[in-house]
Amino acid sequence: MADQDDDWLGVRQPERETLLGFRDWYEQVVVNKVEDLTLEQASTVMTPSGMSPLGVVKHLASAEAGWYRDTFAGEPDFTEVSNDESFVVNDGDTIESVTAEYREECARSKAIIEAAGSLDDLSAREAEIRGHTSLRWILIHMLEETARHAGHLDLMREQLDGRTGD
């Protein structure tokens, strides 16, 4: 039987804590998938659309910033990159620099989530097509986005070195 103090995914927690538990879990899964690869492995393009493991992590950092800092919080001077550009691994990128950027964006996002009064709060800026979106919608969308890309990373990692698991 599970110990109630070991409720790391929020099984018996309120909604916000449950969603944050899954968010934290998937953040770590994403990092685990690239952290002990070589830069060559992590930068290997593995799909016809041009995705590499490290590019996926860069994309997720960009998505975190775009949804939480730009759309929800309305931070000034935010520079958005296109979806296609967000997957590009640039000269000078390293596994350490990209995972640090991803963790930094996740920490900023978590602070924004925790500071919000309610998951029903609406975004400061309108999202293209969707208009003003609730924090709940953004949080669930980003869980879906991160989990979907974690699945891509699972398959890429298995192809690179046979490693499976979280």
C-alpha atoms as a PDB file:
ATOM      1  CA  MET A   1       0.000   0.000   0.000  1.00  0.00           C
ATOM      2  CA  ALA A   2       1.294   3.446  -0.922  1.00  0.00           C
ATOM      3  CA  ASP A   3       2.391   5.737   1.863  1.00  0.00           C
ATOM      4  CA  GLN A   4       0.424   9.024   1.848  1.00  0.00           C
ATOM      5  CA  ASP A   5       3.696  10.917   2.381  1.00  0.00           C
ATOM      6  CA  ASP A   6       4.956   9.427  -0.892  1.00  0.00           C
ATOM      7  CA  ASP A   7       2.314  11.142  -3.038  1.00  0.00           C
ATOM      8  CA  TRP A   8       4.750  12.471  -5.650  1.00  0.00           C
ATOM      9  CA  LEU A   9       2.234  12.516  -8.512  1.00  0.00           C
ATOM     10  CA  GLY A  10      -0.550  14.060  -6.487  1.00  0.00           C
ATOM     11  CA  VAL A  11      -2.910  11.075  -6.437  1.00  0.00           C
ATOM     12  CA  ARG A  12      -4.567  12.404  -3.292  1.00  0.00           C
ATOM     13  CA  GLN A  13      -3.853  16.109  -3.842  1.00  0.00           C
ATOM     14  CA  PRO A  14      -5.926  19.042  -5.104  1.00  0.00           C
ATOM     15  CA  GLU A  15      -5.996  19.696  -8.847  1.00  0.00           C
ATOM     16  CA  ARG A  16      -3.136  22.226  -9.047  1.00  0.00           C
ATOM     17  CA  GLU A  17      -0.773  20.027  -7.037  1.00  0.00           C
ATOM     18  CA  THR A  18      -1.712  16.967  -9.111  1.00  0.00           C
ATOM     19  CA  LEU A  19      -1.032  18.790 -12.378  1.00  0.00           C
ATOM     20  CA  LEU A  20       2.244  20.199 -11.039  1.00  0.00           C
ATOM     21  CA  GLY A  21       3.286  16.702  -9.941  1.00  0.00           C
ATOM     22  CA  PHE A  22       2.851  15.368 -13.468  1.00  0.00           C
ATOM     23  CA  ARG A  23       4.559  18.463 -14.863  1.00  0.00           C
ATOM     24  CA  ASP A  24       7.607  17.923 -12.640  1.00  0.00           C
ATOM     25  CA  TRP A  25       7.681  14.221 -13.556  1.00  0.00           C
ATOM     26  CA  TYR A  26       7.707  14.868 -17.310  1.00  0.00           C
ATOM     27  CA  GLU A  27      10.310  17.622 -16.973  1.00  0.00           C
ATOM     28  CA  GLN A  28      12.667  15.069 -15.423  1.00  0.00           C
ATOM     29  CA  VAL A  29      11.791  12.395 -18.011  1.00  0.00           C
ATOM     30  CA  VAL A  30      12.706  14.820 -20.833  1.00  0.00           C
ATOM     31  CA  VAL A  31      16.062  15.640 -19.246  1.00  0.00           C
ATOM     32  CA  ASN A  32      16.777  11.957 -18.526  1.00  0.00           C
ATOM     33  CA  LYS A  33      16.374  11.140 -22.222  1.00  0.00           C
ATOM     34  CA  VAL A  34      19.307  13.337 -23.313  1.00  0.00           C
ATOM     35  CA  GLU A  35      21.580  13.976 -20.364  1.00  0.00           C
ATOM     36  CA  ASP A  36      24.047  11.116 -20.876  1.00  0.00           C
ATOM     37  CA  LEU A  37      24.104  11.069 -24.674  1.00  0.00           C
ATOM     38  CA  THR A  38      27.034  12.452 -26.621  1.00  0.00           C
ATOM     39  CA  LEU A  39      26.414  15.773 -28.362  1.00  0.00           C
ATOM     40  CA  GLU A  40      26.603  13.935 -31.680  1.00  0.00           C
ATOM     41  CA  GLN A  41      23.897  11.478 -30.597  1.00  0.00           C
ATOM     42  CA  ALA A  42      21.694  14.188 -29.087  1.00  0.00           C
ATOM     43  CA  SER A  43      21.956  16.290 -32.260  1.00  0.00           C
ATOM     44  CA  THR A  44      21.233  13.428 -34.664  1.00  0.00           C
ATOM     45  CA  VAL A  45      18.200  14.206 -36.816  1.00  0.00           C
ATOM     46  CA  MET A  46      15.965  11.168 -36.500  1.00  0.00           C
ATOM     47  CA  THR A  47      12.736  12.046 -38.286  1.00  0.00           C
ATOM     48  CA  PRO A  48      11.873  13.202 -41.799  1.00  0.00           C
ATOM     49  CA  SER A  49      10.589  16.446 -40.253  1.00  0.00           C
ATOM     50  CA  GLY A  50      14.047  17.153 -38.789  1.00  0.00           C
ATOM     51  CA  MET A  51      13.647  16.338 -35.091  1.00  0.00           C
ATOM     52  CA  SER A  52      16.648  15.434 -32.952  1.00  0.00           C
ATOM     53  CA  PRO A  53      16.583  14.613 -29.242  1.00  0.00           C
ATOM     54  CA  LEU A  54      18.282  17.883 -28.295  1.00  0.00           C
ATOM     55  CA  GLY A  55      16.057  19.797 -30.704  1.00  0.00           C
ATOM     56  CA  VAL A  56      12.987  18.409 -28.940  1.00  0.00           C
ATOM     57  CA  VAL A  57      14.290  19.716 -25.605  1.00  0.00           C
ATOM     58  CA  LYS A  58      14.954  23.140 -27.197  1.00  0.00           C
ATOM     59  CA  HIS A  59      11.425  23.146 -28.594  1.00  0.00           C
ATOM     60  CA  LEU A  60       9.940  22.323 -25.189  1.00  0.00           C
ATOM     61  CA  ALA A  61      11.896  25.188 -23.570  1.00  0.00           C
ATOM     62  CA  SER A  62      10.520  27.520 -26.235  1.00  0.00           C
ATOM     63  CA  ALA A  63       6.972  26.231 -25.709  1.00  0.00           C
ATOM     64  CA  GLU A  64       7.241  26.733 -21.923  1.00  0.00           C
ATOM     65  CA  ALA A  65       8.373  30.332 -22.437  1.00  0.00           C
ATOM     66  CA  GLY A  66       5.788  31.023 -25.106  1.00  0.00           C
ATOM     67  CA  TRP A  67       2.774  29.753 -23.205  1.00  0.00           C
ATOM     68  CA  TYR A  68       3.610  30.793 -19.651  1.00  0.00           C
ATOM     69  CA  ARG A  69       5.812  33.894 -19.895  1.00  0.00           C
ATOM     70  CA  ASP A  70       4.454  35.371 -23.114  1.00  0.00           C
ATOM     71  CA  THR A  71       0.815  34.313 -23.401  1.00  0.00           C
ATOM     72  CA  PHE A  72      -0.222  33.837 -19.774  1.00  0.00           C
ATOM     73  CA  ALA A  73       1.947  36.354 -17.897  1.00  0.00           C
ATOM     74  CA  GLY A  74       2.302  38.814 -20.775  1.00  0.00           C
ATOM     75  CA  GLU A  75       5.961  39.480 -20.038  1.00  0.00           C
ATOM     76  CA  PRO A  76       7.314  42.387 -22.091  1.00  0.00           C
ATOM     77  CA  ASP A  77      10.158  42.007 -24.575  1.00  0.00           C
ATOM     78  CA  PHE A  78       9.479  38.343 -25.214  1.00  0.00           C
ATOM     79  CA  THR A  79      11.026  37.126 -28.472  1.00  0.00           C
ATOM     80  CA  GLU A  80       9.090  34.257 -29.968  1.00  0.00           C
ATOM     81  CA  VAL A  81      10.652  31.856 -32.442  1.00  0.00           C
ATOM     82  CA  SER A  82       8.695  29.904 -35.014  1.00  0.00           C
ATOM     83  CA  ASN A  83       7.751  26.317 -34.300  1.00  0.00           C
ATOM     84  CA  ASP A  84      10.219  25.079 -36.937  1.00  0.00           C
ATOM     85  CA  GLU A  85      13.050  27.256 -35.570  1.00  0.00           C
ATOM     86  CA  SER A  86      12.452  26.020 -32.038  1.00  0.00           C
ATOM     87  CA  PHE A  87      13.705  22.532 -32.972  1.00  0.00           C
ATOM     88  CA  VAL A  88      17.019  23.727 -34.471  1.00  0.00           C
ATOM     89  CA  VAL A  89      20.239  22.839 -32.637  1.00  0.00           C
ATOM     90  CA  ASN A  90      22.670  25.713 -33.179  1.00  0.00           C
ATOM     91  CA  ASP A  91      26.452  25.820 -33.128  1.00  0.00           C
ATOM     92  CA  GLY A  92      27.466  26.324 -29.531  1.00  0.00           C
ATOM     93  CA  ASP A  93      24.469  24.450 -28.117  1.00  0.00           C
ATOM     94  CA  THR A  94      25.448  21.684 -25.727  1.00  0.00           C
ATOM     95  CA  ILE A  95      23.398  19.130 -23.870  1.00  0.00           C
ATOM     96  CA  GLU A  96      24.186  21.011 -20.676  1.00  0.00           C
ATOM     97  CA  SER A  97      23.208  24.427 -22.052  1.00  0.00           C
ATOM     98  CA  VAL A  98      19.966  23.204 -23.610  1.00  0.00           C
ATOM     99  CA  THR A  99      18.857  21.187 -20.572  1.00  0.00           C
ATOM    100  CA  ALA A 100      19.761  24.145 -18.308  1.00  0.00           C
ATOM    101  CA  GLU A 101      17.640  26.451 -20.475  1.00  0.00           C
ATOM    102  CA  TYR A 102      14.775  23.937 -20.362  1.00  0.00           C
ATOM    103  CA  ARG A 103      14.978  23.588 -16.566  1.00  0.00           C
ATOM    104  CA  GLU A 104      15.142  27.381 -16.226  1.00  0.00           C
ATOM    105  CA  GLU A 105      12.015  27.845 -18.342  1.00  0.00           C
ATOM    106  CA  CYS A 106      10.246  25.102 -16.379  1.00  0.00           C
ATOM    107  CA  ALA A 107      11.152  26.822 -13.100  1.00  0.00           C
ATOM    108  CA  ARG A 108       9.831  30.153 -14.426  1.00  0.00           C
ATOM    109  CA  SER A 109       6.636  28.459 -15.585  1.00  0.00           C
ATOM    110  CA  LYS A 110       6.145  26.757 -12.242  1.00  0.00           C
ATOM    111  CA  ALA A 111       6.589  30.076 -10.427  1.00  0.00           C
ATOM    112  CA  ILE A 112       3.955  31.658 -12.697  1.00  0.00           C
ATOM    113  CA  ILE A 113       1.561  28.758 -12.047  1.00  0.00           C
ATOM    114  CA  GLU A 114       2.092  28.912  -8.286  1.00  0.00           C
ATOM    115  CA  ALA A 115       1.654  32.705  -8.188  1.00  0.00           C
ATOM    116  CA  ALA A 116      -1.662  32.638 -10.056  1.00  0.00           C
ATOM    117  CA  GLY A 117      -4.761  32.994  -7.932  1.00  0.00           C
ATOM    118  CA  SER A 118      -6.717  30.321  -9.773  1.00  0.00           C
ATOM    119  CA  LEU A 119      -6.387  27.855 -12.615  1.00  0.00           C
ATOM    120  CA  ASP A 120      -9.374  29.734 -14.064  1.00  0.00           C
ATOM    121  CA  ASP A 121      -7.308  32.943 -14.453  1.00  0.00           C
ATOM    122  CA  LEU A 122      -7.133  34.052 -18.083  1.00  0.00           C
ATOM    123  CA  SER A 123      -3.999  34.831 -20.040  1.00  0.00           C
ATOM    124  CA  ALA A 124      -2.748  38.406 -20.303  1.00  0.00           C
ATOM    125  CA  ARG A 125      -2.382  37.985 -24.054  1.00  0.00           C
ATOM    126  CA  GLU A 126      -4.651  36.312 -26.542  1.00  0.00           C
ATOM    127  CA  ALA A 127      -3.410  33.081 -28.045  1.00  0.00           C
ATOM    128  CA  GLU A 128      -3.673  32.852 -31.807  1.00  0.00           C
ATOM    129  CA  ILE A 129      -7.004  31.237 -32.696  1.00  0.00           C
ATOM    130  CA  ARG A 130      -7.921  30.515 -29.043  1.00  0.00           C
ATOM    131  CA  GLY A 131      -8.131  34.039 -27.628  1.00  0.00           C
ATOM    132  CA  HIS A 132      -7.546  34.448 -23.888  1.00  0.00           C
ATOM    133  CA  THR A 133      -6.949  31.025 -22.380  1.00  0.00           C
ATOM    134  CA  SER A 134      -7.216  29.812 -18.822  1.00  0.00           C
ATOM    135  CA  LEU A 135      -4.150  28.779 -16.874  1.00  0.00           C
ATOM    136  CA  ARG A 136      -5.789  25.344 -16.566  1.00  0.00           C
ATOM    137  CA  TRP A 137      -5.955  24.999 -20.364  1.00  0.00           C
ATOM    138  CA  ILE A 138      -2.320  26.086 -20.766  1.00  0.00           C
ATOM    139  CA  LEU A 139      -1.148  23.722 -18.042  1.00  0.00           C
ATOM    140  CA  ILE A 140      -3.022  20.752 -19.505  1.00  0.00           C
ATOM    141  CA  HIS A 141      -1.897  21.651 -23.032  1.00  0.00           C
ATOM    142  CA  MET A 142       1.737  21.790 -21.908  1.00  0.00           C
ATOM    143  CA  LEU A 143       1.379  18.453 -20.081  1.00  0.00           C
ATOM    144  CA  GLU A 144       0.078  16.952 -23.319  1.00  0.00           C
ATOM    145  CA  GLU A 145       2.838  18.617 -25.361  1.00  0.00           C
ATOM    146  CA  THR A 146       5.589  17.489 -22.995  1.00  0.00           C
ATOM    147  CA  ALA A 147       4.246  13.932 -22.667  1.00  0.00           C
ATOM    148  CA  ARG A 148       3.900  13.607 -26.458  1.00  0.00           C
ATOM    149  CA  HIS A 149       7.479  14.770 -26.994  1.00  0.00           C
ATOM    150  CA  ALA A 150       8.702  12.537 -24.152  1.00  0.00           C
ATOM    151  CA  GLY A 151       7.282   9.670 -26.211  1.00  0.00           C
ATOM    152  CA  HIS A 152       9.243  10.884 -29.239  1.00  0.00           C
ATOM    153  CA  LEU A 153      12.345  11.020 -27.044  1.00  0.00           C
ATOM    154  CA  ASP A 154      11.661   7.450 -25.831  1.00  0.00           C
ATOM    155  CA  LEU A 155      11.726   6.184 -29.407  1.00  0.00           C
ATOM    156  CA  MET A 156      14.757   8.251 -30.398  1.00  0.00           C
ATOM    157  CA  ARG A 157      16.722   7.134 -27.367  1.00  0.00           C
ATOM    158  CA  GLU A 158      15.916   3.497 -28.005  1.00  0.00           C
ATOM    159  CA  GLN A 159      17.114   3.898 -31.611  1.00  0.00           C
ATOM    160  CA  LEU A 160      20.348   5.593 -30.512  1.00  0.00           C
ATOM    161  CA  ASP A 161      21.540   3.224 -27.802  1.00  0.00           C
ATOM    162  CA  GLY A 162      18.753   0.807 -26.885  1.00  0.00           C
ATOM    163  CA  ARG A 163      17.970   2.511 -23.587  1.00  0.00           C
ATOM    164  CA  THR A 164      14.330   2.446 -22.532  1.00  0.00           C
ATOM    165  CA  GLY A 165      12.424   3.595 -19.461  1.00  0.00           C
ATOM    166  CA  ASP A 166      11.796   6.912 -17.786  1.00  0.00           C
END
